[in-house]
């Protein structure tokens, strides 16, 4: 059995996975987000760690096992979120800056876009880690030699191993704006650009590799798999071959297409990044479209406006009306990601009339999630034949059917919505020998509902007009 730790933006999920790639136990803990200023998003690093322990204990109890029964631990995590802590004490010097945070937008406008895109496959945007790390380092008095820095995976490895290991994996490192994709190592020119000493950063390991021994509830368990959440989902969906694509519908919506071993430039507006691979495998790459606000828009309807009591309620509301009645919601609540990369864009609701109801707004919100994913896939030459879908929002049948109709291709939903955690478990299991090879894992990946495309829905022109308005400064 493998313990999969999925530390996400709004909560931490831990799953105990058996050798049939089935969930034996599950634990979940919601975490708090802090918004100290408009556009700023932060987490408490110690809460991230405590949530892992609580969720892991819940998963083990639900599975009826103990940590001593585990063969390994796989970690997957919200990418780009950045932390700095003291090496001696493990004390964070500040809250973690979350991937959604926009505070470094002005700094990003000063950066050499061509150098960054050519070297890292990314675009200068506050989404990525480098400017977050630069900002944190500029505001601490602790000497650099006494500090360690990294993304959430590195923080969790540090805590699990009692500070003995400072490690990240290639997929997380590729999201920092500090890694040279061609060499798979930190880039000295980029480190100098952001004023980051190499010694601050973790060692870059493979995604399926034993990187240390965790002390967990009195047992010693190898930490054997690490991957950023979206690459873990690509792996967990069995997208091992070039041309296979998945979309994860979570806090954001993230589309990744496996492009194989060729590290070619991504189409305009999309990103080039590394894909997770099994032990000893040659590097693979992916083209990615990152939608910054997906399910978070539904969460805003619930928590910010109080229009729904739960996310699940939106499906019945959306189906209760024939259309959004001209209402369009552009959920640029933290700017726009792919393919626009506009950190200054702001959320916008248009088309309101006296007859607008919460049902129209709920439907417009779900449609907006699908429109954003379609904008990403439109940027791919030739599109995709089938889109594999995972994440919590795949339970929303209206959204999945609307997405298939909009794309004109089938949408296949994973049987287990937690494909991200399954990917982390599969990577760890391959590293410790639970499964012999990728073919064995591929045979265990299960499909759920399949949505066939129907009539192309109206509303795309109104969406594009609203997008232009949301981007006006």
Protein backbone atom coordinates (compact mmCIF):
# COMPACT_ATOMS: atom_id res chain seq x y z
CA UNK A 1 0.00 0.00 0.00
CA UNK A 2 1.05 3.56 -0.77
CA UNK A 3 0.13 6.73 1.09
CA UNK A 4 -0.58 9.50 -1.43
CA UNK A 5 -0.36 13.01 0.00
CA UNK A 6 -2.15 15.60 -2.13
CA UNK A 7 -1.55 19.01 -0.62
CA UNK A 8 -3.82 21.40 -2.52
CA UNK A 9 -4.85 25.03 -2.47
CA UNK A 10 -8.01 24.69 -0.40
CA UNK A 11 -7.26 21.47 1.46
CA UNK A 12 -5.11 18.39 1.90
CA UNK A 13 -6.28 14.96 0.78
CA UNK A 14 -4.50 11.76 1.77
CA UNK A 15 -5.36 8.43 0.19
CA UNK A 16 -4.19 4.92 1.01
CA UNK A 17 -3.87 3.17 -2.38
CA UNK A 18 -3.52 -0.59 -2.83
CA UNK A 19 -1.72 -2.54 -5.55
CA UNK A 20 -4.85 -2.51 -7.72
CA UNK A 21 -4.66 1.30 -7.72
CA UNK A 22 -7.84 1.43 -5.65
CA UNK A 23 -8.56 3.74 -2.74
CA UNK A 24 -8.58 1.88 0.57
CA UNK A 25 -8.82 4.91 2.86
CA UNK A 26 -9.29 8.65 2.57
CA UNK A 27 -8.68 11.65 4.81
CA UNK A 28 -9.29 15.32 4.10
CA UNK A 29 -8.58 18.58 5.93
CA UNK A 30 -9.58 22.01 4.68
CA UNK A 31 -6.96 24.74 5.02
CA UNK A 32 -7.31 28.47 5.46
CA UNK A 33 -6.33 31.00 2.82
CA UNK A 34 -5.29 34.49 3.83
CA UNK A 35 -5.92 37.59 1.71
CA UNK A 36 -4.01 40.41 3.46
CA UNK A 37 -4.31 42.78 0.48
CA UNK A 38 -6.16 42.73 -2.85
CA UNK A 39 -4.41 40.26 -5.12
CA UNK A 40 -2.40 38.67 -2.29
CA UNK A 41 -2.99 35.02 -1.32
CA UNK A 42 -1.10 33.27 1.48
CA UNK A 43 -1.00 30.02 3.46
CA UNK A 44 0.37 29.20 6.90
CA UNK A 45 3.18 26.65 6.27
CA UNK A 46 2.70 25.03 9.65
CA UNK A 47 -0.99 24.54 8.90
CA UNK A 48 -0.06 22.87 5.61
CA UNK A 49 2.10 20.41 7.55
CA UNK A 50 -0.42 19.76 10.32
CA UNK A 51 -3.15 19.19 7.72
CA UNK A 52 -1.00 16.46 6.14
CA UNK A 53 -0.60 14.67 9.47
CA UNK A 54 -4.32 14.88 10.25
CA UNK A 55 -5.42 13.77 6.77
CA UNK A 56 -2.85 10.95 6.72
CA UNK A 57 -4.05 9.67 10.08
CA UNK A 58 -7.63 9.75 8.82
CA UNK A 59 -6.73 7.84 5.66
CA UNK A 60 -4.81 5.17 7.56
CA UNK A 61 -7.64 4.74 10.05
CA UNK A 62 -10.19 4.47 7.23
CA UNK A 63 -8.03 1.85 5.52
CA UNK A 64 -7.70 -0.12 8.76
CA UNK A 65 -3.92 -0.06 8.64
CA UNK A 66 -0.97 1.69 10.23
CA UNK A 67 2.01 3.54 8.82
CA UNK A 68 4.12 0.39 9.29
CA UNK A 69 1.97 -1.27 6.61
CA UNK A 70 2.97 1.25 3.95
CA UNK A 71 5.43 0.48 1.15
CA UNK A 72 6.03 4.12 0.33
CA UNK A 73 4.79 7.71 0.28
CA UNK A 74 3.97 9.73 -2.82
CA UNK A 75 3.63 13.51 -2.67
CA UNK A 76 1.75 15.77 -5.03
CA UNK A 77 1.17 19.43 -4.36
CA UNK A 78 -0.10 22.81 -5.40
CA UNK A 79 2.70 24.01 -7.64
CA UNK A 80 4.50 27.39 -7.60
CA UNK A 81 3.44 28.19 -4.02
CA UNK A 82 6.67 29.30 -2.37
CA UNK A 83 8.10 29.01 1.15
CA UNK A 84 11.27 30.06 3.00
CA UNK A 85 12.26 28.56 6.34
CA UNK A 86 15.18 28.41 8.78
CA UNK A 87 17.37 25.35 8.33
CA UNK A 88 18.23 24.93 12.01
CA UNK A 89 14.75 25.26 13.49
CA UNK A 90 12.49 24.54 10.49
CA UNK A 91 10.61 27.72 11.36
CA UNK A 92 9.02 29.50 8.36
CA UNK A 93 10.17 33.11 8.05
CA UNK A 94 6.79 34.18 6.62
CA UNK A 95 3.56 32.78 5.28
CA UNK A 96 3.77 30.88 2.02
CA UNK A 97 2.94 32.92 -1.07
CA UNK A 98 0.32 30.98 -3.04
CA UNK A 99 0.43 30.41 -6.79
CA UNK A 100 -2.65 32.61 -7.22
CA UNK A 101 -0.88 35.62 -5.68
CA UNK A 102 -0.43 38.70 -7.90
CA UNK A 103 1.82 40.92 -5.78
CA UNK A 104 4.82 40.65 -8.11
CA UNK A 105 3.00 41.65 -11.31
CA UNK A 106 4.98 44.87 -11.71
CA UNK A 107 8.28 43.04 -11.28
CA UNK A 108 7.25 40.53 -13.95
CA UNK A 109 6.78 43.31 -16.49
CA UNK A 110 10.49 44.14 -16.12
CA UNK A 111 11.74 40.63 -16.84
CA UNK A 112 13.35 39.42 -20.11
CA UNK A 113 10.43 37.49 -21.58
CA UNK A 114 12.33 35.84 -24.43
CA UNK A 115 15.12 34.54 -22.19
CA UNK A 116 12.65 33.12 -19.69
CA UNK A 117 10.45 31.50 -22.33
CA UNK A 118 13.41 29.99 -24.20
CA UNK A 119 15.15 28.70 -21.06
CA UNK A 120 12.20 27.62 -18.89
CA UNK A 121 9.21 27.23 -21.24
CA UNK A 122 7.27 29.70 -19.07
CA UNK A 123 6.22 33.33 -19.34
CA UNK A 124 7.07 36.12 -16.87
CA UNK A 125 4.05 36.01 -14.59
CA UNK A 126 3.50 36.27 -10.83
CA UNK A 127 2.00 32.77 -11.01
CA UNK A 128 5.48 31.24 -10.97
CA UNK A 129 7.83 30.91 -8.00
CA UNK A 130 10.90 33.02 -8.79
CA UNK A 131 9.47 36.47 -8.11
CA UNK A 132 7.70 35.15 -5.00
CA UNK A 133 11.01 33.87 -3.66
CA UNK A 134 12.75 37.13 -4.56
CA UNK A 135 10.04 39.04 -2.66
CA UNK A 136 10.31 36.83 0.44
CA UNK A 137 14.11 36.96 0.55
CA UNK A 138 14.09 40.75 0.33
CA UNK A 139 11.98 40.92 3.50
CA UNK A 140 13.83 38.69 5.92
CA UNK A 141 16.82 39.56 8.09
CA UNK A 142 17.90 35.94 8.51
CA UNK A 143 21.27 35.33 6.78
CA UNK A 144 20.91 33.46 3.52
CA UNK A 145 23.22 30.68 4.69
CA UNK A 146 20.71 29.83 7.42
CA UNK A 147 17.73 29.55 5.08
CA UNK A 148 16.14 26.92 2.89
CA UNK A 149 13.56 27.62 0.20
CA UNK A 150 11.28 25.64 -2.02
CA UNK A 151 7.80 24.77 -3.17
CA UNK A 152 5.30 22.85 -1.03
CA UNK A 153 6.71 19.44 -1.97
CA UNK A 154 10.17 20.41 -0.68
CA UNK A 155 8.63 21.70 2.56
CA UNK A 156 6.77 18.43 3.11
CA UNK A 157 9.83 16.29 2.37
CA UNK A 158 11.81 18.42 4.84
CA UNK A 159 9.17 17.93 7.53
CA UNK A 160 8.64 14.21 6.85
CA UNK A 161 12.38 13.50 7.02
CA UNK A 162 13.04 15.70 10.04
CA UNK A 163 15.08 18.17 8.01
CA UNK A 164 17.47 15.54 6.67
CA UNK A 165 16.43 15.94 3.03
CA UNK A 166 15.95 19.09 0.96
CA UNK A 167 14.57 17.77 -2.31
CA UNK A 168 12.15 18.73 -5.06
CA UNK A 169 11.34 16.90 -8.26
CA UNK A 170 11.76 17.93 -11.86
CA UNK A 171 8.08 18.74 -12.43
CA UNK A 172 7.88 21.16 -9.51
CA UNK A 173 11.28 22.66 -10.30
CA UNK A 174 10.12 23.34 -13.86
CA UNK A 175 7.45 25.71 -12.47
CA UNK A 176 9.82 28.04 -10.65
CA UNK A 177 11.19 30.11 -13.57
CA UNK A 178 14.64 29.05 -12.32
CA UNK A 179 15.13 25.71 -14.09
CA UNK A 180 16.71 25.15 -17.49
CA UNK A 181 14.48 22.57 -19.19
CA UNK A 182 17.32 21.48 -21.45
CA UNK A 183 19.64 20.51 -18.58
CA UNK A 184 17.09 19.69 -15.86
CA UNK A 185 19.08 21.80 -13.38
CA UNK A 186 18.92 25.24 -11.83
CA UNK A 187 20.09 27.91 -14.27
CA UNK A 188 22.89 30.18 -13.04
CA UNK A 189 21.84 33.14 -15.18
CA UNK A 190 18.27 33.01 -13.89
CA UNK A 191 19.45 32.53 -10.29
CA UNK A 192 21.50 35.72 -10.66
CA UNK A 193 18.56 37.55 -12.24
CA UNK A 194 16.40 36.89 -9.18
CA UNK A 195 19.17 37.08 -6.58
CA UNK A 196 18.74 33.46 -5.46
CA UNK A 197 21.74 31.46 -4.27
CA UNK A 198 21.84 27.87 -5.49
CA UNK A 199 22.47 26.69 -1.91
CA UNK A 200 19.01 27.92 -0.88
CA UNK A 201 17.28 25.55 -3.27
CA UNK A 202 16.54 21.84 -3.03
CA UNK A 203 18.21 19.09 -4.97
CA UNK A 204 16.26 18.22 -8.14
CA UNK A 205 15.30 14.53 -8.21
CA UNK A 206 13.24 12.36 -10.52
CA UNK A 207 9.50 12.04 -9.96
CA UNK A 208 9.76 8.29 -9.22
CA UNK A 209 12.77 7.98 -6.95
CA UNK A 210 13.36 7.23 -3.27
CA UNK A 211 14.53 10.58 -1.91
CA UNK A 212 14.52 9.93 1.83
CA UNK A 213 13.06 8.09 4.78
CA UNK A 214 10.00 9.61 6.46
CA UNK A 215 9.26 9.16 10.15
CA UNK A 216 5.48 8.87 10.25
CA UNK A 217 3.49 7.79 13.30
CA UNK A 218 6.36 5.72 14.62
CA UNK A 219 7.17 4.00 11.31
CA UNK A 220 9.95 4.57 8.79
CA UNK A 221 8.56 4.82 5.26
CA UNK A 222 10.41 5.74 2.03
CA UNK A 223 9.37 8.94 0.29
CA UNK A 224 9.42 7.55 -3.23
CA UNK A 225 7.34 9.76 -5.53
CA UNK A 226 6.97 13.52 -6.03
CA UNK A 227 5.15 15.42 -8.76
CA UNK A 228 3.40 18.74 -9.11
CA UNK A 229 -0.35 18.28 -9.05
CA UNK A 230 -0.98 18.69 -12.76
CA UNK A 231 1.82 16.42 -13.89
CA UNK A 232 0.69 13.89 -11.29
CA UNK A 233 -2.83 14.02 -12.76
CA UNK A 234 -1.44 13.52 -16.29
CA UNK A 235 0.37 10.43 -14.99
CA UNK A 236 -2.60 9.24 -12.96
CA UNK A 237 -4.82 9.48 -16.05
CA UNK A 238 -2.45 7.18 -17.92
CA UNK A 239 -1.44 9.83 -20.47
CA UNK A 240 1.93 8.21 -21.13
CA UNK A 241 2.00 8.69 -24.92
CA UNK A 242 2.41 11.81 -27.05
CA UNK A 243 -0.91 13.39 -27.99
CA UNK A 244 -2.83 12.21 -24.93
CA UNK A 245 -4.44 15.06 -22.98
CA UNK A 246 -6.14 15.67 -19.66
CA UNK A 247 -7.90 18.56 -17.93
CA UNK A 248 -8.07 18.81 -14.16
CA UNK A 249 -11.04 20.78 -12.86
CA UNK A 250 -10.02 21.97 -9.42
CA UNK A 251 -9.39 25.40 -7.90
CA UNK A 252 -8.09 26.27 -11.34
CA UNK A 253 -8.47 24.31 -14.56
CA UNK A 254 -5.31 22.87 -16.06
CA UNK A 255 -4.94 21.27 -19.47
CA UNK A 256 -1.82 19.20 -20.17
CA UNK A 257 -0.96 17.43 -23.41
CA UNK A 258 1.88 14.91 -23.46
CA UNK A 259 4.23 15.85 -26.32
CA UNK A 260 6.77 13.07 -25.77
CA UNK A 261 10.52 13.52 -25.69
CA UNK A 262 10.63 16.54 -28.01
CA UNK A 263 11.24 19.76 -26.08
CA UNK A 264 9.76 22.01 -28.75
CA UNK A 265 8.35 25.47 -28.16
CA UNK A 266 4.76 25.67 -26.99
CA UNK A 267 2.13 27.57 -29.03
CA UNK A 268 1.64 31.21 -28.10
CA UNK A 269 -0.13 31.61 -24.78
CA UNK A 270 0.65 28.08 -23.60
CA UNK A 271 3.55 26.73 -21.55
CA UNK A 272 6.22 24.11 -22.08
CA UNK A 273 6.86 22.01 -18.99
CA UNK A 274 8.19 18.65 -17.88
CA UNK A 275 6.00 15.57 -17.53
CA UNK A 276 6.40 13.01 -14.75
CA UNK A 277 8.03 9.75 -15.84
CA UNK A 278 8.76 6.40 -14.24
CA UNK A 279 12.09 5.32 -12.71
CA UNK A 280 15.04 5.76 -15.05
CA UNK A 281 12.88 6.85 -18.01
CA UNK A 282 14.01 9.45 -20.51
CA UNK A 283 12.58 12.95 -19.96
CA UNK A 284 9.17 13.72 -21.39
CA UNK A 285 7.53 17.08 -21.87
CA UNK A 286 4.04 18.52 -21.92
CA UNK A 287 2.29 21.58 -23.27
CA UNK A 288 0.14 23.20 -20.61
CA UNK A 289 -2.65 25.70 -20.41
CA UNK A 290 -3.17 27.09 -16.92
CA UNK A 291 -6.59 28.57 -16.09
CA UNK A 292 -6.15 30.32 -12.76
CA UNK A 293 -9.77 30.34 -11.60
CA UNK A 294 -12.03 27.37 -12.26
CA UNK A 295 -13.69 25.76 -9.27
CA UNK A 296 -12.60 28.78 -7.24
CA UNK A 297 -15.32 30.74 -9.08
CA UNK A 298 -17.94 28.33 -7.72
CA UNK A 299 -16.36 28.63 -4.29
CA UNK A 300 -16.74 32.41 -4.61
CA UNK A 301 -20.44 32.02 -5.42
CA UNK A 302 -20.75 29.98 -2.24
CA UNK A 303 -18.49 31.83 0.21
CA UNK A 304 -18.27 35.31 -1.27
CA UNK A 305 -21.84 35.87 -2.43
CA UNK A 306 -23.77 33.21 -0.53
CA UNK A 307 -25.72 32.27 -3.68
CA UNK A 308 -25.33 28.53 -3.15
CA UNK A 309 -24.89 26.37 -0.08
CA UNK A 310 -22.63 23.88 -1.85
CA UNK A 311 -20.80 23.49 -5.14
CA UNK A 312 -23.04 20.53 -6.05
CA UNK A 313 -26.07 22.83 -6.03
CA UNK A 314 -24.85 24.62 -9.16
CA UNK A 315 -25.68 21.70 -11.45
CA UNK A 316 -29.40 21.67 -10.63
CA UNK A 317 -29.50 25.47 -10.83
CA UNK A 318 -27.81 25.46 -14.25
CA UNK A 319 -30.24 22.86 -15.57
CA UNK A 320 -33.24 24.79 -14.24
CA UNK A 321 -32.83 27.44 -16.96
CA UNK A 322 -32.56 27.03 -20.73
CA UNK A 323 -29.58 29.36 -20.98
CA UNK A 324 -27.67 31.98 -19.00
CA UNK A 325 -30.06 34.51 -20.61
CA UNK A 326 -27.13 36.57 -21.84
CA UNK A 327 -25.28 36.65 -18.52
CA UNK A 328 -21.52 36.12 -18.91
CA UNK A 329 -19.08 35.75 -16.02
CA UNK A 330 -15.35 36.20 -16.62
CA UNK A 331 -13.80 34.84 -13.41
CA UNK A 332 -10.55 36.80 -13.62
CA UNK A 333 -10.47 36.99 -9.84
CA UNK A 334 -6.67 36.66 -9.82
CA UNK A 335 -6.00 37.88 -13.34
CA UNK A 336 -6.08 35.64 -16.42
CA UNK A 337 -3.74 32.76 -17.19
CA UNK A 338 -3.52 30.84 -20.47
CA UNK A 339 -3.73 31.83 -23.20
CA UNK A 340 -3.97 35.51 -22.24
CA UNK A 341 -1.48 35.94 -19.37
CA UNK A 342 -2.95 39.20 -18.20
CA UNK A 343 -2.18 39.77 -14.52
CA UNK A 344 -4.14 43.05 -14.54
CA UNK A 345 -7.44 41.61 -15.81
CA UNK A 346 -10.28 41.70 -13.31
CA UNK A 347 -13.43 39.66 -12.89
CA UNK A 348 -16.52 40.83 -14.74
CA UNK A 349 -20.20 39.90 -14.91
CA UNK A 350 -22.09 41.28 -17.89
CA UNK A 351 -25.57 40.96 -19.39
CA UNK A 352 -27.51 41.46 -16.15
CA UNK A 353 -31.18 42.35 -16.42
CA UNK A 354 -34.06 42.65 -14.01
CA UNK A 355 -34.93 39.06 -14.83
CA UNK A 356 -31.49 37.66 -13.90
CA UNK A 357 -31.63 35.03 -11.15
CA UNK A 358 -29.03 33.10 -9.21
CA UNK A 359 -29.69 30.19 -11.59
CA UNK A 360 -28.49 32.30 -14.53
CA UNK A 361 -25.36 33.30 -12.63
CA UNK A 362 -24.67 29.69 -11.58
CA UNK A 363 -25.00 28.56 -15.19
CA UNK A 364 -22.76 31.40 -16.42
CA UNK A 365 -20.12 30.35 -13.89
CA UNK A 366 -20.07 26.75 -15.10
CA UNK A 367 -20.04 27.89 -18.70
CA UNK A 368 -17.07 30.16 -17.92
CA UNK A 369 -15.04 27.19 -16.69
CA UNK A 370 -15.72 25.37 -19.96
CA UNK A 371 -15.07 28.47 -22.10
CA UNK A 372 -11.64 28.92 -20.50
CA UNK A 373 -10.65 25.30 -21.15
CA UNK A 374 -11.87 25.66 -24.76
CA UNK A 375 -9.74 28.80 -25.18
CA UNK A 376 -6.69 26.78 -24.15
CA UNK A 377 -7.43 23.89 -26.52
CA UNK A 378 -8.11 26.32 -29.35
CA UNK A 379 -4.46 27.38 -29.05
CA UNK A 380 -3.32 23.81 -29.77
CA UNK A 381 -2.83 23.04 -33.48
CA UNK A 382 -5.33 20.30 -34.31
CA UNK A 383 -6.86 20.18 -30.84
CA UNK A 384 -7.25 16.77 -29.17
CA UNK A 385 -9.21 13.64 -30.05
CA UNK A 386 -10.36 12.88 -26.50
CA UNK A 387 -10.07 14.96 -23.34
CA UNK A 388 -9.58 12.99 -20.13
CA UNK A 389 -11.02 14.85 -17.15
CA UNK A 390 -10.48 14.63 -13.41
CA UNK A 391 -10.94 16.78 -10.33
CA UNK A 392 -13.87 17.56 -8.11
CA UNK A 393 -15.88 19.47 -10.72
CA UNK A 394 -16.11 16.39 -12.97
CA UNK A 395 -19.00 15.31 -10.73
CA UNK A 396 -20.98 18.11 -12.36
CA UNK A 397 -22.67 16.45 -15.33
CA UNK A 398 -23.86 19.75 -16.78
CA UNK A 399 -20.31 21.10 -16.91
CA UNK A 400 -18.87 17.95 -18.48
CA UNK A 401 -21.55 17.75 -21.19
CA UNK A 402 -21.25 21.48 -21.93
CA UNK A 403 -17.48 21.00 -22.25
CA UNK A 404 -17.85 18.11 -24.69
CA UNK A 405 -20.38 20.07 -26.75
CA UNK A 406 -18.12 23.11 -26.81
CA UNK A 407 -15.00 21.18 -27.83
CA UNK A 408 -16.68 18.85 -30.31
CA UNK A 409 -14.80 15.86 -28.85
CA UNK A 410 -15.57 13.25 -26.16
CA UNK A 411 -14.77 14.01 -22.53
CA UNK A 412 -13.83 10.93 -20.50
CA UNK A 413 -14.09 11.32 -16.74
CA UNK A 414 -11.74 9.35 -14.51
CA UNK A 415 -13.48 6.74 -12.38
CA UNK A 416 -11.58 8.12 -9.38
CA UNK A 417 -11.75 11.93 -9.37
CA UNK A 418 -8.55 12.12 -7.31
CA UNK A 419 -6.35 11.32 -10.32
CA UNK A 420 -3.70 13.65 -8.89
CA UNK A 421 -3.24 11.47 -5.81
CA UNK A 422 -3.39 8.30 -7.92
CA UNK A 423 -0.54 9.66 -10.03
CA UNK A 424 1.59 10.33 -6.95
CA UNK A 425 0.84 6.82 -5.67
CA UNK A 426 1.71 5.25 -9.03
CA UNK A 427 5.05 7.10 -9.18
CA UNK A 428 5.95 6.02 -5.65
CA UNK A 429 4.80 2.46 -6.27
CA UNK A 430 6.93 2.18 -9.39
CA UNK A 431 9.95 3.45 -7.46
CA UNK A 432 9.61 0.83 -4.70
CA UNK A 433 8.58 -2.06 -6.96
CA UNK A 434 4.86 -2.35 -6.24
CA UNK A 435 4.36 -2.34 -10.04
CA UNK A 436 7.05 -3.49 -12.49
CA UNK A 437 6.48 -1.01 -15.28
CA UNK A 438 4.19 1.59 -16.90
CA UNK A 439 2.18 -1.08 -18.70
CA UNK A 440 1.14 -2.55 -15.36
CA UNK A 441 -0.01 0.87 -14.14
CA UNK A 442 -1.80 1.66 -17.41
CA UNK A 443 -3.85 -1.51 -17.06
CA UNK A 444 -5.18 -0.32 -13.71
CA UNK A 445 -6.36 3.17 -14.81
CA UNK A 446 -10.16 3.16 -14.83
CA UNK A 447 -12.57 5.33 -16.78
CA UNK A 448 -15.90 6.61 -15.54
CA UNK A 449 -18.58 8.52 -17.45
CA UNK A 450 -17.99 9.44 -21.10
CA UNK A 451 -19.69 12.53 -22.54
CA UNK A 452 -20.16 12.56 -26.30
CA UNK A 453 -20.33 15.93 -28.06
CA UNK A 454 -23.69 17.24 -29.20
CA UNK A 455 -24.84 20.53 -30.68
CA UNK A 456 -22.31 23.34 -30.25
CA UNK A 457 -23.76 25.71 -27.63
CA UNK A 458 -24.25 29.41 -28.21
CA UNK A 459 -22.52 32.08 -26.18
CA UNK A 460 -18.92 31.97 -27.37
CA UNK A 461 -19.11 35.39 -29.05
CA UNK A 462 -20.55 36.98 -25.91
CA UNK A 463 -17.79 35.32 -23.89
CA UNK A 464 -15.08 36.79 -26.13
CA UNK A 465 -16.61 40.25 -25.89
CA UNK A 466 -16.74 40.00 -22.10
CA UNK A 467 -13.11 38.84 -22.07
CA UNK A 468 -12.03 41.98 -23.91
CA UNK A 469 -13.92 44.12 -21.40
CA UNK A 470 -12.32 42.30 -18.44
CA UNK A 471 -8.89 43.10 -19.87
CA UNK A 472 -9.50 46.84 -20.24
CA UNK A 473 -7.31 48.84 -17.85
